[in-house]
């Protein structure tokens, strides 16, 4: 019998404070991950929720079932939100840099 694979995520510094601020100010937070369903099982939108556009998979915010004028997506790959670019907030890529202090990106 095989056990479940264990996955871990290193959180970007200050993400907890950011999420706490959003929670305290009544924002609804939805995590849309490019990870597999097995990896992201606590979330509701998975890799298979994306659409193939021009040979690349993109996240489709219309899958949220929300009024898109009230939706933003924060992502390190602008092509990920190609279907709704006006909703995108670009951020620098993060991989395990606990000294990361990014506040905004150029552009």
PDB file of N, CA and C in Angstrom:
ATOM      1  N   UNK A   1       0.851  -1.185   0.000  1.00  0.00           N
ATOM      2  CA  UNK A   1       0.000   0.000   0.000  1.00  0.00           C
ATOM      3  C   UNK A   1       0.892   1.243   0.000  1.00  0.00           C
ATOM      4  N   UNK A   2       0.540   2.160  -0.840  1.00  0.00           N
ATOM      5  CA  UNK A   2       1.335   3.382  -0.959  1.00  0.00           C
ATOM      6  C   UNK A   2       0.710   4.484  -0.120  1.00  0.00           C
ATOM      7  N   UNK A   3       1.563   5.239   0.556  1.00  0.00           N
ATOM      8  CA  UNK A   3       1.082   6.374   1.338  1.00  0.00           C
ATOM      9  C   UNK A   3       0.966   7.615   0.477  1.00  0.00           C
ATOM     10  N   UNK A   4       0.372   8.632   1.029  1.00  0.00           N
ATOM     11  CA  UNK A   4       0.238   9.902   0.316  1.00  0.00           C
ATOM     12  C   UNK A   4       1.586  10.576   0.219  1.00  0.00           C
ATOM     13  N   UNK A   5       1.806  11.225  -0.897  1.00  0.00           N
ATOM     14  CA  UNK A   5       3.026  12.014  -1.038  1.00  0.00           C
ATOM     15  C   UNK A   5       2.884  13.274  -0.211  1.00  0.00           C
ATOM     16  N   UNK A   6       3.980  13.694   0.366  1.00  0.00           N
ATOM     17  CA  UNK A   6       3.980  14.904   1.169  1.00  0.00           C
ATOM     18  C   UNK A   6       4.591  16.025   0.347  1.00  0.00           C
ATOM     19  N   UNK A   7       3.906  17.139   0.296  1.00  0.00           N
ATOM     20  CA  UNK A   7       4.410  18.311  -0.406  1.00  0.00           C
ATOM     21  C   UNK A   7       4.496  19.456   0.596  1.00  0.00           C
ATOM     22  N   UNK A   8       5.392  20.361   0.337  1.00  0.00           N
ATOM     23  CA  UNK A   8       5.481  21.526   1.195  1.00  0.00           C
ATOM     24  C   UNK A   8       5.632  22.767   0.332  1.00  0.00           C
ATOM     25  N   UNK A   9       5.313  23.880   0.925  1.00  0.00           N
ATOM     26  CA  UNK A   9       5.406  25.164   0.248  1.00  0.00           C
ATOM     27  C   UNK A   9       6.143  26.116   1.180  1.00  0.00           C
ATOM     28  N   UNK A  10       7.125  26.808   0.650  1.00  0.00           N
ATOM     29  CA  UNK A  10       7.766  27.875   1.411  1.00  0.00           C
ATOM     30  C   UNK A  10       6.999  29.151   1.108  1.00  0.00           C
ATOM     31  N   UNK A  11       6.483  29.781   2.143  1.00  0.00           N
ATOM     32  CA  UNK A  11       5.697  30.992   1.942  1.00  0.00           C
ATOM     33  C   UNK A  11       6.606  32.203   1.791  1.00  0.00           C
ATOM     34  N   UNK A  12       6.223  33.071   0.870  1.00  0.00           N
ATOM     35  CA  UNK A  12       6.939  34.326   0.683  1.00  0.00           C
ATOM     36  C   UNK A  12       6.849  35.122   1.983  1.00  0.00           C
ATOM     37  N   UNK A  13       7.942  35.773   2.387  1.00  0.00           N
ATOM     38  CA  UNK A  13       7.878  36.593   3.601  1.00  0.00           C
ATOM     39  C   UNK A  13       6.719  37.599   3.542  1.00  0.00           C
ATOM     40  N   UNK A  14       6.024  37.724   4.631  1.00  0.00           N
ATOM     41  CA  UNK A  14       4.910  38.655   4.824  1.00  0.00           C
ATOM     42  C   UNK A  14       3.610  38.229   4.153  1.00  0.00           C
ATOM     43  N   UNK A  15       3.566  37.029   3.558  1.00  0.00           N
ATOM     44  CA  UNK A  15       2.307  36.586   2.952  1.00  0.00           C
ATOM     45  C   UNK A  15       1.233  36.399   4.024  1.00  0.00           C
ATOM     46  N   UNK A  16       1.620  35.938   5.210  1.00  0.00           N
ATOM     47  CA  UNK A  16       0.630  35.772   6.275  1.00  0.00           C
ATOM     48  C   UNK A  16       0.014  37.109   6.678  1.00  0.00           C
ATOM     49  N   UNK A  17       0.843  38.132   6.782  1.00  0.00           N
ATOM     50  CA  UNK A  17       0.338  39.467   7.129  1.00  0.00           C
ATOM     51  C   UNK A  17      -0.567  40.010   6.022  1.00  0.00           C
ATOM     52  N   UNK A  18      -0.183  39.772   4.779  1.00  0.00           N
ATOM     53  CA  UNK A  18      -0.994  40.203   3.645  1.00  0.00           C
ATOM     54  C   UNK A  18      -2.363  39.524   3.679  1.00  0.00           C
ATOM     55  N   UNK A  19      -2.384  38.217   3.880  1.00  0.00           N
ATOM     56  CA  UNK A  19      -3.647  37.488   3.934  1.00  0.00           C
ATOM     57  C   UNK A  19      -4.483  37.895   5.140  1.00  0.00           C
ATOM     58  N   UNK A  20      -3.828  38.174   6.255  1.00  0.00           N
ATOM     59  CA  UNK A  20      -4.552  38.634   7.445  1.00  0.00           C
ATOM     60  C   UNK A  20      -5.215  39.989   7.167  1.00  0.00           C
ATOM     61  N   UNK A  21      -4.498  40.886   6.491  1.00  0.00           N
ATOM     62  CA  UNK A  21      -5.070  42.185   6.125  1.00  0.00           C
ATOM     63  C   UNK A  21      -6.303  41.995   5.243  1.00  0.00           C
ATOM     64  N   UNK A  22      -6.181  41.131   4.244  1.00  0.00           N
ATOM     65  CA  UNK A  22      -7.313  40.883   3.350  1.00  0.00           C
ATOM     66  C   UNK A  22      -8.503  40.329   4.120  1.00  0.00           C
ATOM     67  N   UNK A  23      -8.237  39.401   5.026  1.00  0.00           N
ATOM     68  CA  UNK A  23      -9.305  38.806   5.828  1.00  0.00           C
ATOM     69  C   UNK A  23      -9.979  39.852   6.713  1.00  0.00           C
ATOM     70  N   UNK A  24      -9.182  40.683   7.368  1.00  0.00           N
ATOM     71  CA  UNK A  24      -9.734  41.697   8.273  1.00  0.00           C
ATOM     72  C   UNK A  24     -10.539  42.756   7.529  1.00  0.00           C
ATOM     73  N   UNK A  25     -10.278  42.896   6.241  1.00  0.00           N
ATOM     74  CA  UNK A  25     -10.986  43.902   5.447  1.00  0.00           C
ATOM     75  C   UNK A  25     -12.015  43.271   4.511  1.00  0.00           C
ATOM     76  N   UNK A  26     -12.431  42.058   4.851  1.00  0.00           N
ATOM     77  CA  UNK A  26     -13.531  41.354   4.179  1.00  0.00           C
ATOM     78  C   UNK A  26     -13.310  41.066   2.706  1.00  0.00           C
ATOM     79  N   UNK A  27     -12.055  40.845   2.307  1.00  0.00           N
ATOM     80  CA  UNK A  27     -11.777  40.393   0.957  1.00  0.00           C
ATOM     81  C   UNK A  27     -12.016  38.893   0.893  1.00  0.00           C
ATOM     82  N   UNK A  28     -12.509  38.423  -0.224  1.00  0.00           N
ATOM     83  CA  UNK A  28     -12.590  36.982  -0.451  1.00  0.00           C
ATOM     84  C   UNK A  28     -11.306  36.573  -1.159  1.00  0.00           C
ATOM     85  N   UNK A  29     -10.636  35.566  -0.666  1.00  0.00           N
ATOM     86  CA  UNK A  29      -9.380  35.105  -1.241  1.00  0.00           C
ATOM     87  C   UNK A  29      -9.607  33.722  -1.845  1.00  0.00           C
ATOM     88  N   UNK A  30      -9.229  33.587  -3.107  1.00  0.00           N
ATOM     89  CA  UNK A  30      -9.306  32.305  -3.790  1.00  0.00           C
ATOM     90  C   UNK A  30      -7.913  31.981  -4.300  1.00  0.00           C
ATOM     91  N   UNK A  31      -7.438  30.799  -4.017  1.00  0.00           N
ATOM     92  CA  UNK A  31      -6.133  30.368  -4.492  1.00  0.00           C
ATOM     93  C   UNK A  31      -6.340  29.592  -5.789  1.00  0.00           C
ATOM     94  N   UNK A  32      -5.720  30.057  -6.858  1.00  0.00           N
ATOM     95  CA  UNK A  32      -5.790  29.413  -8.168  1.00  0.00           C
ATOM     96  C   UNK A  32      -4.372  28.975  -8.477  1.00  0.00           C
ATOM     97  N   UNK A  33      -4.110  27.697  -8.322  1.00  0.00           N
ATOM     98  CA  UNK A  33      -2.743  27.208  -8.457  1.00  0.00           C
ATOM     99  C   UNK A  33      -2.532  26.460  -9.761  1.00  0.00           C
ATOM    100  N   UNK A  34      -1.330  26.535 -10.268  1.00  0.00           N
ATOM    101  CA  UNK A  34      -0.956  25.738 -11.434  1.00  0.00           C
ATOM    102  C   UNK A  34      -0.534  24.339 -11.007  1.00  0.00           C
ATOM    103  N   UNK A  35      -0.544  24.084  -9.713  1.00  0.00           N
ATOM    104  CA  UNK A  35      -0.178  22.766  -9.202  1.00  0.00           C
ATOM    105  C   UNK A  35      -1.234  21.724  -9.518  1.00  0.00           C
ATOM    106  N   UNK A  36      -0.854  20.469  -9.380  1.00  0.00           N
ATOM    107  CA  UNK A  36      -1.780  19.363  -9.631  1.00  0.00           C
ATOM    108  C   UNK A  36      -2.819  19.278  -8.515  1.00  0.00           C
ATOM    109  N   UNK A  37      -3.896  18.559  -8.778  1.00  0.00           N
ATOM    110  CA  UNK A  37      -4.947  18.425  -7.780  1.00  0.00           C
ATOM    111  C   UNK A  37      -4.435  17.726  -6.518  1.00  0.00           C
ATOM    112  N   UNK A  38      -3.565  16.740  -6.686  1.00  0.00           N
ATOM    113  CA  UNK A  38      -3.015  16.043  -5.533  1.00  0.00           C
ATOM    114  C   UNK A  38      -2.232  17.000  -4.633  1.00  0.00           C
ATOM    115  N   UNK A  39      -1.492  17.909  -5.251  1.00  0.00           N
ATOM    116  CA  UNK A  39      -0.681  18.890  -4.518  1.00  0.00           C
ATOM    117  C   UNK A  39      -1.558  19.936  -3.853  1.00  0.00           C
ATOM    118  N   UNK A  40      -2.592  20.357  -4.556  1.00  0.00           N
ATOM    119  CA  UNK A  40      -3.376  21.513  -4.125  1.00  0.00           C
ATOM    120  C   UNK A  40      -4.759  21.136  -3.617  1.00  0.00           C
ATOM    121  N   UNK A  41      -4.930  19.941  -3.119  1.00  0.00           N
ATOM    122  CA  UNK A  41      -6.260  19.441  -2.778  1.00  0.00           C
ATOM    123  C   UNK A  41      -7.094  20.342  -1.871  1.00  0.00           C
ATOM    124  N   UNK A  42      -6.520  21.136  -0.975  1.00  0.00           N
ATOM    125  CA  UNK A  42      -7.390  21.998  -0.173  1.00  0.00           C
ATOM    126  C   UNK A  42      -8.013  23.139  -0.991  1.00  0.00           C
ATOM    127  N   UNK A  43      -7.472  23.416  -2.156  1.00  0.00           N
ATOM    128  CA  UNK A  43      -7.961  24.517  -2.971  1.00  0.00           C
ATOM    129  C   UNK A  43      -9.073  24.044  -3.886  1.00  0.00           C
ATOM    130  N   UNK A  44      -9.663  24.928  -4.640  1.00  0.00           N
ATOM    131  CA  UNK A  44     -10.786  24.564  -5.490  1.00  0.00           C
ATOM    132  C   UNK A  44     -10.511  24.687  -6.987  1.00  0.00           C
ATOM    133  N   UNK A  45      -9.546  25.451  -7.380  1.00  0.00           N
ATOM    134  CA  UNK A  45      -9.215  25.580  -8.794  1.00  0.00           C
ATOM    135  C   UNK A  45      -7.842  24.976  -9.012  1.00  0.00           C
ATOM    136  N   UNK A  46      -7.757  24.079  -9.979  1.00  0.00           N
ATOM    137  CA  UNK A  46      -6.532  23.330 -10.199  1.00  0.00           C
ATOM    138  C   UNK A  46      -5.988  23.571 -11.591  1.00  0.00           C
ATOM    139  N   UNK A  47      -4.933  22.878 -11.888  1.00  0.00           N
ATOM    140  CA  UNK A  47      -4.294  22.921 -13.199  1.00  0.00           C
ATOM    141  C   UNK A  47      -5.315  22.664 -14.312  1.00  0.00           C
ATOM    142  N   UNK A  48      -6.219  21.725 -14.093  1.00  0.00           N
ATOM    143  CA  UNK A  48      -7.193  21.397 -15.138  1.00  0.00           C
ATOM    144  C   UNK A  48      -8.288  22.451 -15.283  1.00  0.00           C
ATOM    145  N   UNK A  49      -8.262  23.511 -14.486  1.00  0.00           N
ATOM    146  CA  UNK A  49      -9.211  24.612 -14.628  1.00  0.00           C
ATOM    147  C   UNK A  49      -8.729  25.656 -15.632  1.00  0.00           C
ATOM    148  N   UNK A  50      -7.532  25.447 -16.152  1.00  0.00           N
ATOM    149  CA  UNK A  50      -6.975  26.398 -17.113  1.00  0.00           C
ATOM    150  C   UNK A  50      -7.501  26.125 -18.519  1.00  0.00           C
ATOM    151  N   UNK A  51      -7.293  27.092 -19.409  1.00  0.00           N
ATOM    152  CA  UNK A  51      -7.683  26.957 -20.816  1.00  0.00           C
ATOM    153  C   UNK A  51      -6.442  27.010 -21.683  1.00  0.00           C
ATOM    154  N   UNK A  52      -6.472  26.282 -22.778  1.00  0.00           N
ATOM    155  CA  UNK A  52      -5.389  26.303 -23.740  1.00  0.00           C
ATOM    156  C   UNK A  52      -5.635  27.451 -24.720  1.00  0.00           C
ATOM    157  N   UNK A  53      -4.719  28.429 -24.744  1.00  0.00           N
ATOM    158  CA  UNK A  53      -4.820  29.601 -25.616  1.00  0.00           C
ATOM    159  C   UNK A  53      -3.484  29.768 -26.326  1.00  0.00           C
ATOM    160  N   UNK A  54      -3.512  29.746 -27.643  1.00  0.00           N
ATOM    161  CA  UNK A  54      -2.290  29.895 -28.444  1.00  0.00           C
ATOM    162  C   UNK A  54      -1.193  28.924 -28.009  1.00  0.00           C
ATOM    163  N   UNK A  55      -1.591  27.692 -27.695  1.00  0.00           N
ATOM    164  CA  UNK A  55      -0.623  26.671 -27.324  1.00  0.00           C
ATOM    165  C   UNK A  55      -0.114  26.736 -25.895  1.00  0.00           C
ATOM    166  N   UNK A  56      -0.623  27.670 -25.091  1.00  0.00           N
ATOM    167  CA  UNK A  56      -0.196  27.818 -23.695  1.00  0.00           C
ATOM    168  C   UNK A  56      -1.422  27.746 -22.780  1.00  0.00           C
ATOM    169  N   UNK A  57      -1.232  27.177 -21.612  1.00  0.00           N
ATOM    170  CA  UNK A  57      -2.323  27.141 -20.640  1.00  0.00           C
ATOM    171  C   UNK A  57      -2.369  28.449 -19.868  1.00  0.00           C
ATOM    172  N   UNK A  58      -3.579  28.988 -19.721  1.00  0.00           N
ATOM    173  CA  UNK A  58      -3.784  30.226 -18.981  1.00  0.00           C
ATOM    174  C   UNK A  58      -4.893  30.020 -17.951  1.00  0.00           C
ATOM    175  N   UNK A  59      -4.838  30.807 -16.902  1.00  0.00           N
ATOM    176  CA  UNK A  59      -5.868  30.759 -15.871  1.00  0.00           C
ATOM    177  C   UNK A  59      -7.057  31.579 -16.351  1.00  0.00           C
ATOM    178  N   UNK A  60      -8.232  31.009 -16.219  1.00  0.00           N
ATOM    179  CA  UNK A  60      -9.447  31.687 -16.656  1.00  0.00           C
ATOM    180  C   UNK A  60     -10.239  32.117 -15.428  1.00  0.00           C
ATOM    181  N   UNK A  61     -10.183  33.404 -15.131  1.00  0.00           N
ATOM    182  CA  UNK A  61     -10.844  33.917 -13.934  1.00  0.00           C
ATOM    183  C   UNK A  61     -12.354  33.771 -13.985  1.00  0.00           C
ATOM    184  N   UNK A  62     -12.920  33.569 -15.174  1.00  0.00           N
ATOM    185  CA  UNK A  62     -14.365  33.386 -15.258  1.00  0.00           C
ATOM    186  C   UNK A  62     -14.788  32.091 -14.556  1.00  0.00           C
ATOM    187  N   UNK A  63     -13.862  31.158 -14.323  1.00  0.00           N
ATOM    188  CA  UNK A  63     -14.170  29.931 -13.589  1.00  0.00           C
ATOM    189  C   UNK A  63     -14.526  30.202 -12.130  1.00  0.00           C
ATOM    190  N   UNK A  64     -14.232  31.408 -11.648  1.00  0.00           N
ATOM    191  CA  UNK A  64     -14.522  31.745 -10.256  1.00  0.00           C
ATOM    192  C   UNK A  64     -16.006  31.977 -10.010  1.00  0.00           C
ATOM    193  N   UNK A  65     -16.740  32.306 -11.073  1.00  0.00           N
ATOM    194  CA  UNK A  65     -18.156  32.612 -10.898  1.00  0.00           C
ATOM    195  C   UNK A  65     -18.381  33.907 -10.147  1.00  0.00           C
ATOM    196  N   UNK A  66     -17.464  34.853 -10.282  1.00  0.00           N
ATOM    197  CA  UNK A  66     -17.554  36.145  -9.592  1.00  0.00           C
ATOM    198  C   UNK A  66     -17.596  37.264 -10.626  1.00  0.00           C
ATOM    199  N   UNK A  67     -18.078  38.435 -10.215  1.00  0.00           N
ATOM    200  CA  UNK A  67     -18.044  39.615 -11.068  1.00  0.00           C
ATOM    201  C   UNK A  67     -16.582  40.015 -11.230  1.00  0.00           C
ATOM    202  N   UNK A  68     -16.046  39.934 -12.437  1.00  0.00           N
ATOM    203  CA  UNK A  68     -14.617  40.155 -12.663  1.00  0.00           C
ATOM    204  C   UNK A  68     -14.169  41.584 -12.383  1.00  0.00           C
ATOM    205  N   UNK A  69     -15.093  42.535 -12.282  1.00  0.00           N
ATOM    206  CA  UNK A  69     -14.667  43.893 -11.924  1.00  0.00           C
ATOM    207  C   UNK A  69     -14.196  43.956 -10.475  1.00  0.00           C
ATOM    208  N   UNK A  70     -14.478  42.903  -9.703  1.00  0.00           N
ATOM    209  CA  UNK A  70     -14.053  42.841  -8.307  1.00  0.00           C
ATOM    210  C   UNK A  70     -12.974  41.797  -8.070  1.00  0.00           C
ATOM    211  N   UNK A  71     -12.315  41.354  -9.145  1.00  0.00           N
ATOM    212  CA  UNK A  71     -11.347  40.268  -9.043  1.00  0.00           C
ATOM    213  C   UNK A  71      -9.976  40.742  -9.510  1.00  0.00           C
ATOM    214  N   UNK A  72      -8.936  40.366  -8.768  1.00  0.00           N
ATOM    215  CA  UNK A  72      -7.560  40.561  -9.223  1.00  0.00           C
ATOM    216  C   UNK A  72      -6.843  39.222  -9.121  1.00  0.00           C
ATOM    217  N   UNK A  73      -5.822  39.075  -9.933  1.00  0.00           N
ATOM    218  CA  UNK A  73      -4.960  37.906  -9.866  1.00  0.00           C
ATOM    219  C   UNK A  73      -3.536  38.407  -9.717  1.00  0.00           C
ATOM    220  N   UNK A  74      -2.834  37.875  -8.733  1.00  0.00           N
ATOM    221  CA  UNK A  74      -1.430  38.197  -8.499  1.00  0.00           C
ATOM    222  C   UNK A  74      -0.641  36.992  -8.985  1.00  0.00           C
ATOM    223  N   UNK A  75       0.230  37.200  -9.974  1.00  0.00           N
ATOM    224  CA  UNK A  75       0.921  36.069 -10.587  1.00  0.00           C
ATOM    225  C   UNK A  75       2.263  36.520 -11.118  1.00  0.00           C
ATOM    226  N   UNK A  76       3.228  35.605 -11.091  1.00  0.00           N
ATOM    227  CA  UNK A  76       4.555  35.936 -11.607  1.00  0.00           C
ATOM    228  C   UNK A  76       4.672  35.671 -13.112  1.00  0.00           C
ATOM    229  N   UNK A  77       3.608  35.198 -13.734  1.00  0.00           N
ATOM    230  CA  UNK A  77       3.624  34.943 -15.171  1.00  0.00           C
ATOM    231  C   UNK A  77       2.447  35.663 -15.818  1.00  0.00           C
ATOM    232  N   UNK A  78       2.671  36.844 -16.394  1.00  0.00           N
ATOM    233  CA  UNK A  78       1.571  37.580 -17.017  1.00  0.00           C
ATOM    234  C   UNK A  78       0.795  36.765 -18.053  1.00  0.00           C
ATOM    235  N   UNK A  79       1.444  35.808 -18.695  1.00  0.00           N
ATOM    236  CA  UNK A  79       0.697  34.986 -19.665  1.00  0.00           C
ATOM    237  C   UNK A  79      -0.378  34.164 -18.955  1.00  0.00           C
ATOM    238  N   UNK A  80      -0.218  33.950 -17.650  1.00  0.00           N
ATOM    239  CA  UNK A  80      -1.201  33.168 -16.899  1.00  0.00           C
ATOM    240  C   UNK A  80      -2.571  33.827 -16.859  1.00  0.00           C
ATOM    241  N   UNK A  81      -2.597  35.148 -16.932  1.00  0.00           N
ATOM    242  CA  UNK A  81      -3.880  35.855 -16.896  1.00  0.00           C
ATOM    243  C   UNK A  81      -4.148  36.577 -18.216  1.00  0.00           C
ATOM    244  N   UNK A  82      -3.700  35.967 -19.294  1.00  0.00           N
ATOM    245  CA  UNK A  82      -3.858  36.528 -20.636  1.00  0.00           C
ATOM    246  C   UNK A  82      -5.328  36.770 -21.005  1.00  0.00           C
ATOM    247  N   UNK A  83      -6.234  35.948 -20.508  1.00  0.00           N
ATOM    248  CA  UNK A  83      -7.653  36.117 -20.831  1.00  0.00           C
ATOM    249  C   UNK A  83      -8.271  37.331 -20.150  1.00  0.00           C
ATOM    250  N   UNK A  84      -7.718  37.729 -19.015  1.00  0.00           N
ATOM    251  CA  UNK A  84      -8.227  38.894 -18.279  1.00  0.00           C
ATOM    252  C   UNK A  84      -7.053  39.756 -17.822  1.00  0.00           C
ATOM    253  N   UNK A  85      -6.291  40.336 -18.758  1.00  0.00           N
ATOM    254  CA  UNK A  85      -5.090  41.094 -18.374  1.00  0.00           C
ATOM    255  C   UNK A  85      -5.379  42.300 -17.489  1.00  0.00           C
ATOM    256  N   UNK A  86      -6.573  42.871 -17.592  1.00  0.00           N
ATOM    257  CA  UNK A  86      -6.907  44.033 -16.770  1.00  0.00           C
ATOM    258  C   UNK A  86      -7.053  43.662 -15.299  1.00  0.00           C
ATOM    259  N   UNK A  87      -7.162  42.383 -15.002  1.00  0.00           N
ATOM    260  CA  UNK A  87      -7.287  41.917 -13.631  1.00  0.00           C
ATOM    261  C   UNK A  87      -5.939  41.530 -13.015  1.00  0.00           C
ATOM    262  N   UNK A  88      -4.879  41.560 -13.815  1.00  0.00           N
ATOM    263  CA  UNK A  88      -3.593  41.044 -13.370  1.00  0.00           C
ATOM    264  C   UNK A  88      -2.724  42.039 -12.631  1.00  0.00           C
ATOM    265  N   UNK A  89      -2.071  41.547 -11.606  1.00  0.00           N
ATOM    266  CA  UNK A  89      -1.042  42.291 -10.878  1.00  0.00           C
ATOM    267  C   UNK A  89       0.217  41.430 -10.936  1.00  0.00           C
ATOM    268  N   UNK A  90       1.213  41.862 -11.706  1.00  0.00           N
ATOM    269  CA  UNK A  90       2.430  41.058 -11.816  1.00  0.00           C
ATOM    270  C   UNK A  90       3.279  41.159 -10.549  1.00  0.00           C
ATOM    271  N   UNK A  91       3.942  40.057 -10.229  1.00  0.00           N
ATOM    272  CA  UNK A  91       4.843  40.027  -9.088  1.00  0.00           C
ATOM    273  C   UNK A  91       6.071  39.214  -9.481  1.00  0.00           C
ATOM    274  N   UNK A  92       7.187  39.508  -8.868  1.00  0.00           N
ATOM    275  CA  UNK A  92       8.410  38.760  -9.170  1.00  0.00           C
ATOM    276  C   UNK A  92       8.283  37.329  -8.669  1.00  0.00           C
ATOM    277  N   UNK A  93       8.932  36.425  -9.377  1.00  0.00           N
ATOM    278  CA  UNK A  93       8.922  35.011  -9.027  1.00  0.00           C
ATOM    279  C   UNK A  93       9.550  34.803  -7.649  1.00  0.00           C
ATOM    280  N   UNK A  94       9.020  33.844  -6.911  1.00  0.00           N
ATOM    281  CA  UNK A  94       9.530  33.534  -5.579  1.00  0.00           C
ATOM    282  C   UNK A  94       9.815  32.046  -5.469  1.00  0.00           C
ATOM    283  N   UNK A  95      11.042  31.720  -5.074  1.00  0.00           N
ATOM    284  CA  UNK A  95      11.395  30.332  -4.775  1.00  0.00           C
ATOM    285  C   UNK A  95      12.323  30.337  -3.564  1.00  0.00           C
ATOM    286  N   UNK A  96      11.760  30.092  -2.417  1.00  0.00           N
ATOM    287  CA  UNK A  96      12.525  29.853  -1.192  1.00  0.00           C
ATOM    288  C   UNK A  96      13.478  30.971  -0.758  1.00  0.00           C
ATOM    289  N   UNK A  97      13.289  32.210  -1.181  1.00  0.00           N
ATOM    290  CA  UNK A  97      14.166  33.300  -0.756  1.00  0.00           C
ATOM    291  C   UNK A  97      13.545  33.981   0.455  1.00  0.00           C
ATOM    292  N   UNK A  98      13.955  33.587   1.625  1.00  0.00           N
ATOM    293  CA  UNK A  98      13.364  34.135   2.839  1.00  0.00           C
ATOM    294  C   UNK A  98      13.769  35.582   3.094  1.00  0.00           C
ATOM    295  N   UNK A  99      14.675  36.115   2.277  1.00  0.00           N
ATOM    296  CA  UNK A  99      15.047  37.532   2.357  1.00  0.00           C
ATOM    297  C   UNK A  99      14.242  38.384   1.376  1.00  0.00           C
ATOM    298  N   UNK A 100      13.330  37.771   0.651  1.00  0.00           N
ATOM    299  CA  UNK A 100      12.508  38.457  -0.343  1.00  0.00           C
ATOM    300  C   UNK A 100      11.719  39.581   0.329  1.00  0.00           C
ATOM    301  N   UNK A 101      11.788  40.762  -0.230  1.00  0.00           N
ATOM    302  CA  UNK A 101      11.065  41.918   0.307  1.00  0.00           C
ATOM    303  C   UNK A 101      10.369  42.676  -0.807  1.00  0.00           C
ATOM    304  N   UNK A 102       9.995  41.992  -1.876  1.00  0.00           N
ATOM    305  CA  UNK A 102       9.380  42.658  -3.024  1.00  0.00           C
ATOM    306  C   UNK A 102       8.096  43.361  -2.586  1.00  0.00           C
ATOM    307  N   UNK A 103       7.953  44.593  -3.005  1.00  0.00           N
ATOM    308  CA  UNK A 103       6.748  45.353  -2.711  1.00  0.00           C
ATOM    309  C   UNK A 103       5.960  45.657  -3.967  1.00  0.00           C
ATOM    310  N   UNK A 104       6.659  45.783  -5.084  1.00  0.00           N
ATOM    311  CA  UNK A 104       6.015  46.017  -6.367  1.00  0.00           C
ATOM    312  C   UNK A 104       6.990  45.637  -7.452  1.00  0.00           C
ATOM    313  N   UNK A 105       6.467  45.483  -8.654  1.00  0.00           N
ATOM    314  CA  UNK A 105       7.333  45.155  -9.771  1.00  0.00           C
ATOM    315  C   UNK A 105       7.357  46.314 -10.749  1.00  0.00           C
ATOM    316  N   UNK A 106       8.365  46.321 -11.597  1.00  0.00           N
ATOM    317  CA  UNK A 106       8.425  47.343 -12.636  1.00  0.00           C
ATOM    318  C   UNK A 106       7.369  47.036 -13.677  1.00  0.00           C
ATOM    319  N   UNK A 107       6.750  48.078 -14.230  1.00  0.00           N
ATOM    320  CA  UNK A 107       5.784  47.874 -15.302  1.00  0.00           C
ATOM    321  C   UNK A 107       4.449  47.892 -14.792  1.00  0.00           C
TER     322      UNK A 107
END
